[in-house]
Protein backbone atom coordinates (compact mmCIF):
# COMPACT_ATOMS: atom_id res chain seq x y z
CA MET A 1 275.84 106.73 46.52
CA SER A 2 276.94 103.21 45.62
CA PHE A 3 277.26 100.03 47.54
CA SER A 4 278.16 96.38 47.07
CA ILE A 5 275.85 93.43 46.94
CA SER A 6 276.04 91.15 49.96
CA ARG A 7 275.15 87.55 49.23
CA ARG A 8 274.16 88.52 45.71
CA VAL A 9 271.31 90.83 46.65
CA LEU A 10 270.62 94.52 46.12
CA GLN A 11 270.41 96.18 49.52
CA PRO A 12 267.76 98.89 49.98
CA PRO A 13 268.55 102.24 51.62
CA ARG A 14 265.99 101.57 54.34
CA PRO A 15 266.88 97.94 55.09
CA ILE A 16 264.75 95.34 56.78
CA LEU A 17 265.31 93.46 59.99
CA LEU A 18 264.33 89.83 59.80
CA GLY A 19 265.52 87.37 62.39
CA VAL A 20 266.21 83.69 61.94
CA THR A 21 264.70 81.01 64.15
CA THR A 22 262.72 77.79 64.01
CA TYR A 23 258.95 77.30 64.20
CA LYS A 24 256.40 74.70 64.93
CA TYR A 25 254.66 75.20 61.64
CA ARG A 26 252.03 73.29 59.66
CA ARG A 27 251.57 74.80 56.21
CA ARG A 28 247.93 73.76 55.67
CA ARG A 29 246.62 75.17 58.96
CA CYS A 30 249.03 78.07 59.29
CA SER A 31 249.71 77.15 62.91
CA TYR A 32 252.73 77.95 65.01
CA SER A 33 253.79 77.99 68.62
CA THR A 34 254.41 81.38 70.18
CA SER A 35 254.17 82.89 73.64
CA SER A 36 254.72 86.53 72.71
CA SER A 37 252.33 87.23 69.84
CA THR A 38 251.39 90.74 70.85
CA SER A 39 254.91 91.91 71.63
CA THR A 40 256.24 90.38 68.39
CA ALA A 41 253.68 92.21 66.28
CA ALA A 42 254.30 95.47 68.11
CA ALA A 43 258.06 95.17 67.72
CA ALA A 44 257.77 94.55 63.99
CA THR A 45 255.50 97.58 63.59
CA ALA A 46 257.90 99.78 65.54
CA ALA A 47 260.83 98.58 63.42
CA ALA A 48 258.92 99.36 60.23
CA ASP A 49 258.42 102.96 61.32
CA ASN A 50 262.13 103.30 62.05
CA PRO A 51 264.05 104.31 58.90
CA ASN A 52 267.33 103.15 60.50
CA THR A 53 266.30 99.49 60.70
CA THR A 54 269.07 97.08 59.70
CA ALA A 55 268.73 94.00 57.49
CA LYS A 56 269.22 90.32 58.19
CA ALA A 57 268.45 87.20 56.18
CA ALA A 58 264.81 86.28 55.75
CA VAL A 59 263.33 83.01 56.99
CA ASP A 60 262.43 80.14 54.65
CA VAL A 61 259.55 78.47 56.46
CA ASP A 62 259.66 75.47 54.11
CA ASP A 63 263.04 74.44 55.50
CA LEU A 64 262.30 74.86 59.19
CA ASP A 65 262.03 71.96 61.59
CA PRO A 66 258.28 71.50 62.18
CA ALA A 67 258.87 69.73 65.48
CA ALA A 68 260.75 72.67 67.00
CA ALA A 69 258.66 74.97 69.18
CA SER A 70 259.89 78.53 69.46
CA THR A 71 258.67 82.09 69.39
CA LEU A 72 258.72 84.31 66.36
CA PRO A 73 261.81 86.54 66.15
CA LYS A 74 261.35 89.99 67.60
CA ASN A 75 261.41 91.73 64.23
CA PHE A 76 260.17 88.93 61.99
CA GLY A 77 258.32 90.14 58.91
CA THR A 78 259.43 93.77 59.05
CA ASN A 79 259.63 93.75 55.25
CA GLN A 80 255.82 93.54 55.25
CA HIS A 81 255.50 96.85 57.07
CA MET A 82 255.40 99.81 54.71
CA TYR A 83 256.25 103.36 55.70
CA VAL A 84 253.61 106.08 55.29
CA ASN A 85 253.77 109.67 56.44
CA ASP A 86 252.51 110.59 59.89
CA GLU A 87 249.39 112.31 58.59
CA MET A 88 248.25 109.21 56.68
CA LYS A 89 249.15 106.99 59.62
CA GLU A 90 247.00 108.99 62.02
CA ARG A 91 244.15 109.13 59.51
CA LEU A 92 244.16 105.34 59.16
CA ARG A 93 244.39 104.78 62.90
CA SER A 94 241.50 107.14 63.55
CA VAL A 95 239.36 105.10 61.16
CA LEU A 96 240.24 101.81 62.85
CA TRP A 97 239.51 103.21 66.31
CA GLU A 98 235.91 103.86 65.27
CA PHE A 99 235.13 100.12 65.22
CA LYS A 100 234.16 98.59 68.55
CA ALA A 101 233.89 95.06 67.11
CA PRO A 102 237.23 93.26 67.66
CA VAL A 103 239.61 93.34 64.67
CA ARG A 104 242.56 90.95 64.95
CA TYR A 105 244.34 91.98 61.77
CA ALA A 106 243.90 95.09 59.64
CA VAL A 107 245.62 96.45 56.54
CA ALA A 108 245.08 99.44 54.27
CA TYR A 109 245.92 99.23 50.59
CA GLY A 110 245.17 100.67 47.17
CA SER A 111 245.50 104.09 45.57
CA GLY A 112 244.06 105.83 48.62
CA VAL A 113 247.16 104.82 50.62
CA PHE A 114 249.91 104.28 48.03
CA SER A 115 250.14 106.20 44.77
CA GLN A 116 249.27 104.27 41.61
CA GLY A 117 250.18 107.04 39.19
CA THR A 118 246.60 108.24 38.77
CA THR A 119 244.75 111.30 40.08
CA LYS A 120 241.19 111.76 41.28
CA PRO A 121 238.93 114.40 39.75
CA SER A 122 238.96 117.73 41.58
CA GLY A 123 236.93 117.64 44.80
CA GLN A 124 236.57 113.84 44.83
CA LYS A 125 237.87 112.09 47.94
CA PRO A 126 240.12 109.07 47.33
CA MET A 127 238.57 105.93 48.82
CA ILE A 128 240.85 104.01 51.18
CA ASP A 129 240.62 100.22 50.97
CA LEU A 130 240.79 98.22 54.19
CA ILE A 131 240.78 94.52 55.08
CA PHE A 132 239.74 93.40 58.56
CA GLY A 133 240.63 89.88 59.73
CA VAL A 134 238.17 88.75 62.43
CA THR A 135 237.83 85.63 64.56
CA TYR A 136 234.06 85.01 64.37
CA SER A 137 232.29 86.49 61.35
CA GLN A 138 228.72 86.43 62.68
CA HIS A 139 229.68 87.80 66.10
CA TRP A 140 231.68 90.60 64.46
CA HIS A 141 228.85 91.63 62.15
CA SER A 142 226.37 91.46 65.03
CA LEU A 143 228.41 94.00 67.00
CA ASN A 144 229.12 96.14 63.95
CA LEU A 145 225.46 96.23 62.90
CA GLN A 146 224.59 97.61 66.32
CA GLN A 147 227.19 100.35 65.97
CA HIS A 148 227.22 101.01 62.20
CA ARG A 149 223.92 99.87 60.71
CA ASP A 150 224.27 102.59 58.05
CA HIS A 151 227.37 100.89 56.63
CA TYR A 152 225.30 97.93 55.40
CA SER A 153 222.94 97.45 52.49
CA PHE A 154 219.45 95.91 52.79
CA LEU A 155 221.17 92.69 53.93
CA GLY A 156 221.73 94.33 57.29
CA ASN A 157 217.97 94.15 57.92
CA MET A 158 218.20 90.35 57.76
CA GLY A 159 220.67 90.15 60.62
CA SER A 160 224.25 89.09 61.20
CA GLY A 161 223.53 85.45 60.35
CA VAL A 162 222.60 86.28 56.76
CA VAL A 163 225.47 88.77 56.41
CA SER A 164 228.04 86.24 57.65
CA MET A 165 226.56 83.51 55.42
CA VAL A 166 226.94 85.74 52.35
CA GLN A 167 230.48 86.55 53.46
CA ASP A 168 231.71 83.02 54.17
CA ARG A 169 229.84 80.90 51.61
CA LEU A 170 229.96 83.03 48.47
CA GLY A 171 233.06 83.88 46.47
CA ALA A 172 236.36 84.25 48.30
CA GLY A 173 234.98 84.74 51.82
CA MET A 174 235.14 88.55 51.87
CA TYR A 175 232.31 90.98 52.68
CA PHE A 176 232.78 94.58 51.55
CA ASN A 177 231.08 97.74 52.80
CA PRO A 178 232.04 100.50 50.31
CA TYR A 179 231.57 104.28 50.35
CA VAL A 180 231.57 104.59 54.12
CA GLU A 181 232.66 107.97 55.49
CA ILE A 182 234.44 107.83 58.85
CA ASN A 183 235.98 110.95 60.40
CA GLY A 184 235.94 112.64 57.01
CA VAL A 185 237.68 109.69 55.31
CA MET A 186 235.94 107.70 52.59
CA VAL A 187 236.67 103.99 53.05
CA LYS A 188 235.75 100.58 51.68
CA TYR A 189 236.36 97.86 54.23
CA GLY A 190 236.29 94.13 53.65
CA VAL A 191 235.69 91.66 56.46
CA VAL A 192 237.21 88.17 56.30
CA ASN A 193 237.42 85.33 58.78
CA ILE A 194 240.99 84.88 59.99
CA GLU A 195 240.92 81.18 59.05
CA THR A 196 239.86 82.00 55.48
CA LEU A 197 242.53 84.68 55.26
CA CYS A 198 245.24 82.33 56.53
CA ARG A 199 244.21 79.49 54.19
CA ASP A 200 244.27 81.68 51.10
CA LEU A 201 247.68 83.08 52.01
CA SER A 202 249.23 79.65 52.48
CA ASP A 203 247.28 77.46 50.03
CA TRP A 204 246.08 79.94 47.37
CA ASN A 205 242.50 78.65 47.40
CA SER A 206 241.25 81.68 45.49
CA LEU A 207 244.21 84.11 45.31
CA TYR A 208 241.63 86.82 46.01
CA ILE A 209 243.11 87.96 49.31
CA ALA A 210 246.59 86.53 48.76
CA GLY A 211 246.84 88.47 45.49
CA ARG A 212 246.08 91.74 47.23
CA MET A 213 248.81 90.96 49.75
CA HIS A 214 251.34 90.50 46.92
CA LYS A 215 251.34 94.27 46.63
CA PRO A 216 252.52 96.65 49.37
CA VAL A 217 249.95 97.11 52.14
CA LYS A 218 250.04 99.18 55.31
CA ILE A 219 249.54 97.00 58.38
CA LEU A 220 247.40 98.80 60.94
CA ARG A 221 246.88 95.97 63.40
CA ASN A 222 249.14 92.96 63.28
CA ASP A 223 248.71 89.27 64.03
CA PRO A 224 251.77 86.95 64.02
CA ARG A 225 249.78 84.09 62.53
CA VAL A 226 248.86 86.17 59.49
CA LEU A 227 252.36 87.63 59.37
CA LEU A 228 253.84 84.14 59.10
CA SER A 229 251.22 83.01 56.57
CA ASN A 230 251.87 86.04 54.41
CA HIS A 231 255.61 85.32 54.50
CA VAL A 232 254.71 81.99 52.85
CA ASN A 233 252.43 83.83 50.42
CA LEU A 234 255.15 86.26 49.32
CA LEU A 235 257.69 83.46 48.84
CA SER A 236 255.14 81.59 46.74
CA ALA A 237 254.59 84.68 44.60
CA VAL A 238 258.32 84.89 43.86
CA ARG A 239 258.48 81.20 42.96
CA VAL A 240 255.48 81.34 40.61
CA ALA A 241 256.89 84.48 38.99
CA LEU A 242 260.18 82.65 38.38
CA LEU A 243 258.29 79.83 36.65
CA LEU A 244 256.67 82.43 34.39
CA LEU A 245 259.88 84.32 33.57
CA PRO A 246 262.80 83.44 31.28
CA GLU A 247 266.32 82.68 32.47
CA THR A 248 267.33 86.36 32.49
CA PHE A 249 264.87 89.12 33.34
CA SER A 250 264.74 92.58 34.86
CA GLU A 251 263.81 93.50 38.40
CA HIS A 252 260.88 95.44 36.95
CA GLN A 253 259.65 92.34 35.11
CA LEU A 254 259.74 90.36 38.35
CA TYR A 255 257.61 92.85 40.27
CA THR A 256 255.21 93.35 37.36
CA THR A 257 254.73 89.59 37.07
CA ILE A 258 254.06 89.26 40.81
CA ALA A 259 251.68 92.23 40.92
CA GLY A 260 249.77 90.87 37.91
CA LEU A 261 249.15 87.35 39.25
CA SER A 262 245.81 88.15 40.90
CA TYR A 263 244.56 90.00 37.80
CA MET A 264 244.97 86.94 35.55
CA GLY A 265 241.45 85.63 35.15
CA ASP A 266 239.84 88.62 36.89
CA PRO A 267 236.73 89.38 34.80
CA ARG A 268 237.15 93.13 35.35
CA MET A 269 240.36 93.12 33.31
CA SER A 270 238.53 91.87 30.22
CA LEU A 271 235.73 94.44 30.58
CA PRO A 272 235.81 98.26 30.32
CA ALA A 273 235.79 98.40 34.12
CA GLU A 274 239.47 98.49 35.03
CA ASN A 275 242.53 100.47 33.98
CA PRO A 276 244.50 98.15 31.64
CA HIS A 277 247.73 99.84 32.78
CA LYS A 278 246.96 99.28 36.46
CA VAL A 279 249.69 96.71 37.14
CA ALA A 280 252.41 98.81 35.50
CA ASN A 281 251.20 101.91 37.36
CA ILE A 282 251.33 100.10 40.71
CA VAL A 283 254.90 98.90 40.19
CA ASN A 284 256.22 102.15 38.72
CA SER A 285 254.74 104.22 41.54
CA GLN A 286 255.72 101.88 44.38
CA LEU A 287 259.09 100.52 43.30
CA ALA A 288 260.75 101.30 46.64
CA ASN A 289 258.02 99.43 48.50
CA PHE A 290 258.29 96.42 46.19
CA ARG A 291 262.02 96.32 46.83
CA ARG A 292 261.46 96.50 50.57
CA LEU A 293 258.93 93.68 50.34
CA TYR A 294 260.75 91.24 48.08
CA LEU A 295 264.52 91.78 48.18
CA PRO A 296 265.01 89.85 51.46
CA LEU A 297 263.05 86.96 49.95
CA ILE A 298 265.09 86.97 46.74
CA GLN A 299 268.19 86.85 48.92
CA GLN A 300 267.19 83.57 50.53
CA LEU A 301 266.40 81.71 47.29
CA PRO A 302 269.45 79.80 46.02
CA ASN A 303 268.36 79.64 42.39
CA VAL A 304 268.18 83.37 41.52
CA HIS A 305 270.72 86.18 41.73
CA PHE A 306 271.45 89.67 40.40
CA VAL A 307 273.66 89.72 37.31
CA LYS A 308 275.54 92.90 38.19
CA GLU A 309 277.74 92.75 41.30
CA ASN A 310 277.81 96.46 42.20
CA LEU A 311 274.55 98.33 41.99
CA SER A 312 273.37 101.78 42.98
CA TRP A 313 270.02 102.36 44.62
CA ASN A 314 269.33 104.84 41.81
CA ASP A 315 269.65 102.12 39.15
CA GLN A 316 266.42 101.77 37.24
CA ALA A 317 264.54 98.52 37.83
CA THR A 318 264.19 98.04 34.08
CA HIS A 319 268.01 97.87 33.83
CA THR A 320 268.64 95.81 36.97
CA MET A 321 268.88 92.25 35.68
CA LEU A 322 268.47 88.95 37.49
CA GLN A 323 269.26 85.41 36.41
CA GLN A 324 267.68 82.17 37.58
CA ASP A 325 269.01 78.62 37.52
CA MET A 326 267.03 76.63 34.92
CA ASP A 327 268.24 73.26 36.21
CA PRO A 328 265.17 70.94 36.32
CA VAL A 329 266.15 69.60 39.75
CA ARG A 330 266.15 73.03 41.39
CA ARG A 331 263.05 74.15 39.52
CA GLY A 332 261.40 70.84 40.44
CA ASN A 333 262.01 71.66 44.12
CA MET A 334 260.36 75.02 43.47
CA VAL A 335 257.31 73.31 41.94
CA ARG A 336 257.05 71.04 44.99
CA ARG A 337 257.00 74.08 47.28
CA LEU A 338 254.13 75.84 45.53
CA PRO A 339 250.97 76.51 47.62
CA THR A 340 249.02 73.31 48.26
CA LYS A 341 245.80 73.99 46.32
CA PHE A 342 247.63 75.71 43.51
CA ARG A 343 250.12 72.86 43.22
CA GLU A 344 247.32 70.28 43.06
CA ARG A 345 245.71 72.13 40.15
CA LEU A 346 249.04 72.28 38.32
CA TYR A 347 249.60 68.55 38.91
CA PHE A 348 246.21 67.63 37.44
CA GLN A 349 246.89 69.94 34.50
CA TYR A 350 250.07 68.01 33.75
CA GLN A 351 248.48 64.63 34.41
CA ARG A 352 246.23 65.30 31.42
CA LYS A 353 249.07 66.76 29.38
CA PHE A 354 251.39 63.78 29.98
CA ALA A 355 248.48 61.28 29.76
CA ILE A 356 249.49 59.63 33.05
CA PRO A 357 247.06 56.90 34.23
CA ARG A 358 245.17 57.83 37.38
CA LEU A 359 246.54 55.06 39.59
CA GLU A 360 250.12 55.79 38.55
CA PHE A 361 249.51 59.49 39.08
CA ARG A 362 248.14 59.00 42.59
CA LYS A 363 251.11 56.82 43.48
CA MET A 364 253.45 59.43 42.03
CA ILE A 365 252.13 62.33 44.11
CA GLY A 366 250.75 60.37 47.08
CA VAL A 367 253.17 61.75 49.63
CA SER A 368 251.70 62.36 53.08
CA GLU A 369 252.10 65.67 54.85
CA ASP A 370 254.48 64.07 57.37
CA ASP A 371 256.61 62.63 54.56
CA GLU A 372 256.71 66.04 52.90
CA ARG A 373 258.07 67.62 56.06
CA VAL A 374 260.73 64.92 56.41
CA SER A 375 261.77 65.25 52.77
CA LYS A 376 261.93 69.07 53.03
CA LYS A 377 259.64 69.28 49.97
CA GLN A 378 262.17 68.02 47.48
CA GLY A 379 260.76 67.61 43.98
CA GLY A 380 260.68 64.17 42.44
CA VAL A 381 260.67 62.89 38.85
CA PHE A 382 257.19 64.29 38.17
CA GLU A 383 258.07 67.78 39.41
CA GLN A 384 261.34 67.75 37.46
CA ARG A 385 259.47 66.74 34.32
CA ILE A 386 257.11 69.68 34.83
CA ALA A 387 260.05 72.05 35.39
CA ALA A 388 261.77 70.80 32.24
CA ASP A 389 258.74 71.61 30.07
CA LEU A 390 260.11 75.06 29.25
CA ALA A 391 258.14 75.43 26.02
CA ASN A 392 254.76 75.07 27.76
CA LEU A 393 255.30 75.70 31.47
CA ARG A 394 254.48 79.41 31.31
CA GLY A 395 251.17 78.70 29.58
CA GLU A 396 250.24 75.87 31.94
CA VAL A 397 251.01 77.91 35.06
CA GLY A 398 249.10 80.86 33.61
CA ALA A 399 246.10 78.62 32.94
CA VAL A 400 246.13 77.40 36.55
CA ILE A 401 246.30 80.98 37.84
CA THR A 402 243.36 81.95 35.62
CA LYS A 403 241.29 78.98 36.85
CA THR A 404 242.14 79.83 40.46
CA VAL A 405 241.20 83.49 40.17
CA LYS A 406 238.29 83.54 37.72
CA TRP A 407 235.39 81.98 39.62
CA PRO A 408 235.98 83.55 43.08
CA SER A 409 236.57 86.98 41.51
CA THR A 410 233.44 86.70 39.40
CA VAL A 411 231.30 85.68 42.38
CA GLN A 412 232.82 88.43 44.55
CA SER A 413 231.96 91.02 41.88
CA LEU A 414 228.36 89.78 41.72
CA LYS A 415 228.20 89.56 45.52
CA GLY A 416 228.92 93.28 45.62
CA ILE A 417 225.36 93.91 44.41
CA LEU A 418 224.10 92.27 47.62
CA SER A 419 226.67 93.57 50.10
CA ALA A 420 226.91 97.13 48.76
CA GLY A 421 223.39 97.45 47.37
CA PRO A 422 222.44 98.39 43.78
CA ILE A 423 223.04 102.15 44.17
CA LYS A 424 226.57 101.91 45.58
CA SER A 425 227.39 99.08 43.14
CA TRP A 426 226.33 101.24 40.19
CA LYS A 427 228.39 104.14 41.53
CA TYR A 428 231.43 101.89 41.94
CA LEU A 429 231.04 100.50 38.41
CA GLY A 430 230.70 104.03 37.04
CA GLU A 431 233.99 105.06 38.66
CA LYS A 432 235.75 102.00 37.25
CA ILE A 433 234.47 102.73 33.75
CA ALA A 434 235.58 106.36 34.10
CA LYS A 435 239.08 105.21 35.04
CA TRP A 436 239.14 102.89 32.04
CA LYS A 437 238.13 105.72 29.68
CA GLU A 438 240.76 108.02 31.20
CA SER A 439 243.44 105.38 30.68
CA LYS A 440 242.40 105.01 27.04
CA ARG A 441 242.68 108.75 26.48
CA SER A 442 246.12 108.94 28.07
CA SER A 443 247.55 105.89 26.26
């Protein structure tokens, strides 16, 4: 079966419905005005489970009028909803129903939900990874400790105040309880404050949570605020990937670059504790989901397009080529629209590289948030100079990603000894080392 590209984009067989509207949106605080949050989230979930959903253009939140107050479109963000079979869906729902503490947003991800091209040893249950977004960390843990004290390590004996302090003040703001069996399902669930989640998605403070959301996840309980913030996160991932890629590249290269962002600087990737082929396995095994997630976003960017006009859904991603506009003005606009914290780090990196005096540098980038909204985030001379540095831009952006990821990931790994306890941590490390050895034997 063949088809034509509409507006220069490859159309998936199970297309995505995304409406177009305006929002009252402030990037730093992830806020918006909506009067139908619950119905919007429910409608998007229902559309995701419908294989006959039709596609519309995605929304570029950077170009929306911040003064306009409106509700989210009925099916906004359907590209973020992945399809899983009914058995897996019921299994995941049954796990979530076991928690009495209020969960505002919940996703399942990892090899326990989506294939990553690897198999578990015979008789070993795959562990399903979950993320719970909650409103008040200490209140949530207080309720959960009453119901599921056995999920916690020795920290649970110290009360919800200590648990929430370890969660919020160390690392990337996530608290994991691994190796928990619920209704016959082995799970590892991470708890994060909804504010922390939203900030990382929009600003890339740590890329710890945002990086996980770059890959396909199954949304179990939706929240429009997170849905909108993750739309920004996914757009940012495409833009950073374009800065790392050459003028012409394959669809497979794009997804591999995006999926690998959060692993740059992750200490586990430099130790015998992670499969070195993990990124490639994720993309190869979930290509259809990556297309569902990112094709509507590629469609809305004016500086990238598919080279071939008529494509078949069966075309291999390694042969499906894209081309981006290398004009410094357009790429400078892309630099200006990078996530706030990430962009600041890149600016300071180039301040040192270009030896720009501090006062001149502050004047150069000293644009207020209101001015940014009025200017629609158009890049200036400084951003265009960064974009024109083709010989070094990839290395500089990569260095910023590594700096962003390294410290939070390291602290989160060490925090696991406290949150999981030494026995579960040792078991988890042993499984990671076993995966690494298996990958070495198969390569």
